[in-house]
């Protein structure tokens, strides 16, 4: 399966925007598997700083994870204050506490304007952004989280331990040889 829609300016991008390797994760902030993937991806991003651009797209599976959508909206609200990645990390680091009071606490830690954050959390366009990410995931064949795409193609290997990292390192070597 391929990534639909392709990465665009509405996505949150971390890293070198001109990197030859594009890693997209469809994730759910309340998903325990995504919670396990978070430190793996974080280490990968640090190790491959200039070689990879990382994009996170929301895929809250609300029937199983009732607080996932609000957490996704909170991260998007953080993005309105240029703090998406700070909120992303804080939410994953504390994914067992995703109630509204906890999300405000994370906004405070991220040094957001909390009254503005509270108002932004009610914005319909943020809920629509989360829904658009989700629908794009469905079109791309996402049926579980986390699901990764590398350069537009679904990654079918294991993301656990060093598998994803080794795959990307080998891809980096082959891309540089071209």
C-alpha atoms as a PDB file:
ATOM      1  CA  UNK A   1       0.000   0.000   0.000  1.00  0.00           C
ATOM      2  CA  UNK A   2       1.107   3.541  -0.632  1.00  0.00           C
ATOM      3  CA  UNK A   3       0.652   6.688   1.407  1.00  0.00           C
ATOM      4  CA  UNK A   4      -2.496   8.672   0.594  1.00  0.00           C
ATOM      5  CA  UNK A   5      -2.377  11.626   0.696  1.00  0.00           C
ATOM      6  CA  UNK A   6       1.346  12.271   0.292  1.00  0.00           C
ATOM      7  CA  UNK A   7       3.143  14.401   2.869  1.00  0.00           C
ATOM      8  CA  UNK A   8       2.296  18.085   2.538  1.00  0.00           C
ATOM      9  CA  UNK A   9       2.645  21.388   4.360  1.00  0.00           C
ATOM     10  CA  UNK A  10      -0.269  20.544   6.693  1.00  0.00           C
ATOM     11  CA  UNK A  11       1.750  17.687   8.202  1.00  0.00           C
ATOM     12  CA  UNK A  12       3.993  18.126  11.221  1.00  0.00           C
ATOM     13  CA  UNK A  13       7.524  17.419  10.063  1.00  0.00           C
ATOM     14  CA  UNK A  14      10.529  16.801  12.294  1.00  0.00           C
ATOM     15  CA  UNK A  15      14.050  16.779  10.932  1.00  0.00           C
ATOM     16  CA  UNK A  16      15.626  17.688   7.649  1.00  0.00           C
ATOM     17  CA  UNK A  17      12.838  18.648   5.232  1.00  0.00           C
ATOM     18  CA  UNK A  18      15.173  17.773   2.334  1.00  0.00           C
ATOM     19  CA  UNK A  19      16.111  14.331   3.692  1.00  0.00           C
ATOM     20  CA  UNK A  20      15.925  11.493   1.193  1.00  0.00           C
ATOM     21  CA  UNK A  21      14.220   9.214   3.718  1.00  0.00           C
ATOM     22  CA  UNK A  22      10.669  10.101   4.727  1.00  0.00           C
ATOM     23  CA  UNK A  23       9.219   8.170   7.677  1.00  0.00           C
ATOM     24  CA  UNK A  24       5.508   8.595   8.366  1.00  0.00           C
ATOM     25  CA  UNK A  25       3.866   7.107  11.433  1.00  0.00           C
ATOM     26  CA  UNK A  26       0.134   6.714  11.833  1.00  0.00           C
ATOM     27  CA  UNK A  27      -0.260   6.607  15.586  1.00  0.00           C
ATOM     28  CA  UNK A  28      -2.733   6.662  18.445  1.00  0.00           C
ATOM     29  CA  UNK A  29      -1.599   8.513  21.578  1.00  0.00           C
ATOM     30  CA  UNK A  30      -3.368   6.037  23.877  1.00  0.00           C
ATOM     31  CA  UNK A  31      -2.218   2.884  22.073  1.00  0.00           C
ATOM     32  CA  UNK A  32       0.249   0.869  24.173  1.00  0.00           C
ATOM     33  CA  UNK A  33       2.039  -0.348  21.019  1.00  0.00           C
ATOM     34  CA  UNK A  34       2.555   3.274  19.928  1.00  0.00           C
ATOM     35  CA  UNK A  35       3.801   3.983  23.441  1.00  0.00           C
ATOM     36  CA  UNK A  36       6.397   1.227  23.002  1.00  0.00           C
ATOM     37  CA  UNK A  37       7.322   2.523  19.540  1.00  0.00           C
ATOM     38  CA  UNK A  38       7.775   6.107  20.794  1.00  0.00           C
ATOM     39  CA  UNK A  39      11.261   5.711  22.388  1.00  0.00           C
ATOM     40  CA  UNK A  40      12.389   3.563  19.449  1.00  0.00           C
ATOM     41  CA  UNK A  41      11.403   6.263  16.957  1.00  0.00           C
ATOM     42  CA  UNK A  42      12.882   8.957  19.195  1.00  0.00           C
ATOM     43  CA  UNK A  43      16.265   7.181  19.257  1.00  0.00           C
ATOM     44  CA  UNK A  44      16.058   6.625  15.507  1.00  0.00           C
ATOM     45  CA  UNK A  45      15.366  10.329  14.903  1.00  0.00           C
ATOM     46  CA  UNK A  46      18.333  11.340  17.055  1.00  0.00           C
ATOM     47  CA  UNK A  47      20.686   8.871  15.365  1.00  0.00           C
ATOM     48  CA  UNK A  48      19.631   9.746  11.803  1.00  0.00           C
ATOM     49  CA  UNK A  49      19.052  13.494  12.265  1.00  0.00           C
ATOM     50  CA  UNK A  50      20.057  14.722   8.829  1.00  0.00           C
ATOM     51  CA  UNK A  51      19.037  11.603   6.910  1.00  0.00           C
ATOM     52  CA  UNK A  52      15.376  11.319   7.845  1.00  0.00           C
ATOM     53  CA  UNK A  53      12.302  13.485   8.012  1.00  0.00           C
ATOM     54  CA  UNK A  54       9.651  12.179  10.384  1.00  0.00           C
ATOM     55  CA  UNK A  55       5.949  12.875  10.078  1.00  0.00           C
ATOM     56  CA  UNK A  56       3.337  11.884  12.653  1.00  0.00           C
ATOM     57  CA  UNK A  57      -0.279  11.501  11.591  1.00  0.00           C
ATOM     58  CA  UNK A  58      -3.139  10.941  13.983  1.00  0.00           C
ATOM     59  CA  UNK A  59      -5.007   7.650  13.874  1.00  0.00           C
ATOM     60  CA  UNK A  60      -7.026   7.588  17.103  1.00  0.00           C
ATOM     61  CA  UNK A  61      -8.886   4.298  17.470  1.00  0.00           C
ATOM     62  CA  UNK A  62     -11.563   5.796  19.699  1.00  0.00           C
ATOM     63  CA  UNK A  63     -13.581   2.610  20.224  1.00  0.00           C
ATOM     64  CA  UNK A  64     -10.615   1.057  22.039  1.00  0.00           C
ATOM     65  CA  UNK A  65      -8.880   4.233  23.242  1.00  0.00           C
ATOM     66  CA  UNK A  66     -11.517   6.793  24.307  1.00  0.00           C
ATOM     67  CA  UNK A  67      -8.993   9.527  25.186  1.00  0.00           C
ATOM     68  CA  UNK A  68      -6.932   9.209  22.002  1.00  0.00           C
ATOM     69  CA  UNK A  69      -8.868  11.765  19.970  1.00  0.00           C
ATOM     70  CA  UNK A  70      -8.659  14.437  22.684  1.00  0.00           C
ATOM     71  CA  UNK A  71      -4.927  13.736  23.005  1.00  0.00           C
ATOM     72  CA  UNK A  72      -4.543  14.143  19.226  1.00  0.00           C
ATOM     73  CA  UNK A  73      -6.448  17.430  19.338  1.00  0.00           C
ATOM     74  CA  UNK A  74      -4.214  18.553  22.239  1.00  0.00           C
ATOM     75  CA  UNK A  75      -1.098  17.864  20.173  1.00  0.00           C
ATOM     76  CA  UNK A  76      -2.626  19.778  17.256  1.00  0.00           C
ATOM     77  CA  UNK A  77      -3.516  22.646  19.620  1.00  0.00           C
ATOM     78  CA  UNK A  78       0.119  22.674  20.697  1.00  0.00           C
ATOM     79  CA  UNK A  79       1.012  22.910  17.009  1.00  0.00           C
ATOM     80  CA  UNK A  80      -0.916  26.156  16.740  1.00  0.00           C
ATOM     81  CA  UNK A  81       1.675  27.569  19.153  1.00  0.00           C
ATOM     82  CA  UNK A  82       4.582  25.859  17.339  1.00  0.00           C
ATOM     83  CA  UNK A  83       4.856  23.225  20.064  1.00  0.00           C
ATOM     84  CA  UNK A  84       3.416  20.139  18.333  1.00  0.00           C
ATOM     85  CA  UNK A  85       6.498  18.004  18.972  1.00  0.00           C
ATOM     86  CA  UNK A  86       6.746  19.071  22.607  1.00  0.00           C
ATOM     87  CA  UNK A  87       3.101  18.062  23.168  1.00  0.00           C
ATOM     88  CA  UNK A  88       3.571  14.876  21.107  1.00  0.00           C
ATOM     89  CA  UNK A  89       6.457  13.804  23.331  1.00  0.00           C
ATOM     90  CA  UNK A  90       4.804  14.768  26.615  1.00  0.00           C
ATOM     91  CA  UNK A  91       1.602  12.938  25.717  1.00  0.00           C
ATOM     92  CA  UNK A  92       3.489   9.760  24.826  1.00  0.00           C
ATOM     93  CA  UNK A  93       5.681  10.027  27.927  1.00  0.00           C
ATOM     94  CA  UNK A  94       2.523  10.178  30.076  1.00  0.00           C
ATOM     95  CA  UNK A  95       0.100   8.201  27.924  1.00  0.00           C
ATOM     96  CA  UNK A  96      -1.598   6.579  30.908  1.00  0.00           C
ATOM     97  CA  UNK A  97      -2.892  10.031  31.968  1.00  0.00           C
ATOM     98  CA  UNK A  98      -4.728  11.671  29.075  1.00  0.00           C
ATOM     99  CA  UNK A  99      -7.705  13.307  30.748  1.00  0.00           C
ATOM    100  CA  UNK A 100      -8.334  16.995  30.124  1.00  0.00           C
ATOM    101  CA  UNK A 101      -6.640  18.144  33.356  1.00  0.00           C
ATOM    102  CA  UNK A 102      -3.517  16.148  32.454  1.00  0.00           C
ATOM    103  CA  UNK A 103      -3.461  17.598  28.926  1.00  0.00           C
ATOM    104  CA  UNK A 104      -3.553  21.103  30.443  1.00  0.00           C
ATOM    105  CA  UNK A 105      -0.682  20.097  32.718  1.00  0.00           C
ATOM    106  CA  UNK A 106       1.344  19.001  29.661  1.00  0.00           C
ATOM    107  CA  UNK A 107       0.497  22.280  27.922  1.00  0.00           C
ATOM    108  CA  UNK A 108       1.855  24.105  30.971  1.00  0.00           C
ATOM    109  CA  UNK A 109       5.048  22.029  30.943  1.00  0.00           C
ATOM    110  CA  UNK A 110       5.429  22.765  27.205  1.00  0.00           C
ATOM    111  CA  UNK A 111       5.122  26.478  28.051  1.00  0.00           C
ATOM    112  CA  UNK A 112       2.019  27.014  25.980  1.00  0.00           C
ATOM    113  CA  UNK A 113      -0.357  29.897  26.507  1.00  0.00           C
ATOM    114  CA  UNK A 114      -2.800  27.735  28.507  1.00  0.00           C
ATOM    115  CA  UNK A 115      -5.943  29.904  28.113  1.00  0.00           C
ATOM    116  CA  UNK A 116      -5.345  29.934  24.349  1.00  0.00           C
ATOM    117  CA  UNK A 117      -4.669  26.159  24.427  1.00  0.00           C
ATOM    118  CA  UNK A 118      -8.001  25.614  26.196  1.00  0.00           C
ATOM    119  CA  UNK A 119      -9.818  27.625  23.529  1.00  0.00           C
ATOM    120  CA  UNK A 120      -7.919  25.923  20.705  1.00  0.00           C
ATOM    121  CA  UNK A 121      -8.946  22.514  22.079  1.00  0.00           C
ATOM    122  CA  UNK A 122     -12.525  23.453  21.133  1.00  0.00           C
ATOM    123  CA  UNK A 123     -11.717  24.428  17.539  1.00  0.00           C
ATOM    124  CA  UNK A 124     -13.632  22.423  14.975  1.00  0.00           C
ATOM    125  CA  UNK A 125     -10.753  22.687  12.479  1.00  0.00           C
ATOM    126  CA  UNK A 126      -8.482  20.721  14.835  1.00  0.00           C
ATOM    127  CA  UNK A 127     -11.031  17.913  15.110  1.00  0.00           C
ATOM    128  CA  UNK A 128     -11.290  18.000  11.300  1.00  0.00           C
ATOM    129  CA  UNK A 129      -7.483  17.780  10.984  1.00  0.00           C
ATOM    130  CA  UNK A 130      -7.452  14.690  13.203  1.00  0.00           C
ATOM    131  CA  UNK A 131     -10.323  13.199  11.198  1.00  0.00           C
ATOM    132  CA  UNK A 132      -8.536  13.971   7.924  1.00  0.00           C
ATOM    133  CA  UNK A 133      -5.411  12.192   9.184  1.00  0.00           C
ATOM    134  CA  UNK A 134      -7.559   9.217  10.190  1.00  0.00           C
ATOM    135  CA  UNK A 135      -9.338   9.053   6.829  1.00  0.00           C
ATOM    136  CA  UNK A 136      -5.995   9.298   5.011  1.00  0.00           C
ATOM    137  CA  UNK A 137      -4.813   6.373   7.090  1.00  0.00           C
ATOM    138  CA  UNK A 138      -7.833   4.319   6.085  1.00  0.00           C
ATOM    139  CA  UNK A 139      -7.200   5.155   2.404  1.00  0.00           C
ATOM    140  CA  UNK A 140      -3.580   4.080   2.894  1.00  0.00           C
ATOM    141  CA  UNK A 141      -4.626   0.730   4.337  1.00  0.00           C
ATOM    142  CA  UNK A 142      -3.877   1.486   7.984  1.00  0.00           C
ATOM    143  CA  UNK A 143      -5.763  -0.943  10.218  1.00  0.00           C
ATOM    144  CA  UNK A 144      -3.610  -0.900  13.357  1.00  0.00           C
ATOM    145  CA  UNK A 145      -1.211   1.398  15.145  1.00  0.00           C
ATOM    146  CA  UNK A 146       1.557   2.124  14.810  1.00  0.00           C
ATOM    147  CA  UNK A 147       1.766   1.816  11.030  1.00  0.00           C
ATOM    148  CA  UNK A 148       4.815   3.196   9.251  1.00  0.00           C
ATOM    149  CA  UNK A 149       5.374   4.345   5.676  1.00  0.00           C
ATOM    150  CA  UNK A 150       8.847   4.860   4.265  1.00  0.00           C
ATOM    151  CA  UNK A 151       9.130   7.066   1.202  1.00  0.00           C
ATOM    152  CA  UNK A 152       5.433   6.611   0.542  1.00  0.00           C
ATOM    153  CA  UNK A 153       5.312   2.816   0.844  1.00  0.00           C
ATOM    154  CA  UNK A 154       3.948   0.851   3.789  1.00  0.00           C
ATOM    155  CA  UNK A 155       6.693  -0.714   5.892  1.00  0.00           C
ATOM    156  CA  UNK A 156       5.752  -4.338   6.525  1.00  0.00           C
ATOM    157  CA  UNK A 157       8.676  -5.297   8.771  1.00  0.00           C
ATOM    158  CA  UNK A 158       8.874  -5.179  12.543  1.00  0.00           C
ATOM    159  CA  UNK A 159       9.406  -1.779  14.117  1.00  0.00           C
ATOM    160  CA  UNK A 160      10.475  -3.323  17.422  1.00  0.00           C
ATOM    161  CA  UNK A 161      14.006  -3.457  18.787  1.00  0.00           C
ATOM    162  CA  UNK A 162      16.472  -2.411  16.082  1.00  0.00           C
ATOM    163  CA  UNK A 163      14.560  -3.738  13.064  1.00  0.00           C
ATOM    164  CA  UNK A 164      13.181  -0.425  11.782  1.00  0.00           C
ATOM    165  CA  UNK A 165      16.437   1.387  12.549  1.00  0.00           C
ATOM    166  CA  UNK A 166      18.528  -1.206  10.689  1.00  0.00           C
ATOM    167  CA  UNK A 167      16.144  -1.107   7.733  1.00  0.00           C
ATOM    168  CA  UNK A 168      16.444   2.696   7.533  1.00  0.00           C
ATOM    169  CA  UNK A 169      20.229   2.580   7.882  1.00  0.00           C
ATOM    170  CA  UNK A 170      20.442   0.126   4.983  1.00  0.00           C
ATOM    171  CA  UNK A 171      18.066   2.296   2.963  1.00  0.00           C
ATOM    172  CA  UNK A 172      20.234   5.339   3.719  1.00  0.00           C
ATOM    173  CA  UNK A 173      23.305   3.511   2.396  1.00  0.00           C
ATOM    174  CA  UNK A 174      21.525   2.415  -0.785  1.00  0.00           C
ATOM    175  CA  UNK A 175      20.063   5.905  -1.391  1.00  0.00           C
ATOM    176  CA  UNK A 176      23.496   7.494  -1.042  1.00  0.00           C
ATOM    177  CA  UNK A 177      24.931   5.053  -3.564  1.00  0.00           C
ATOM    178  CA  UNK A 178      22.431   6.110  -6.248  1.00  0.00           C
END
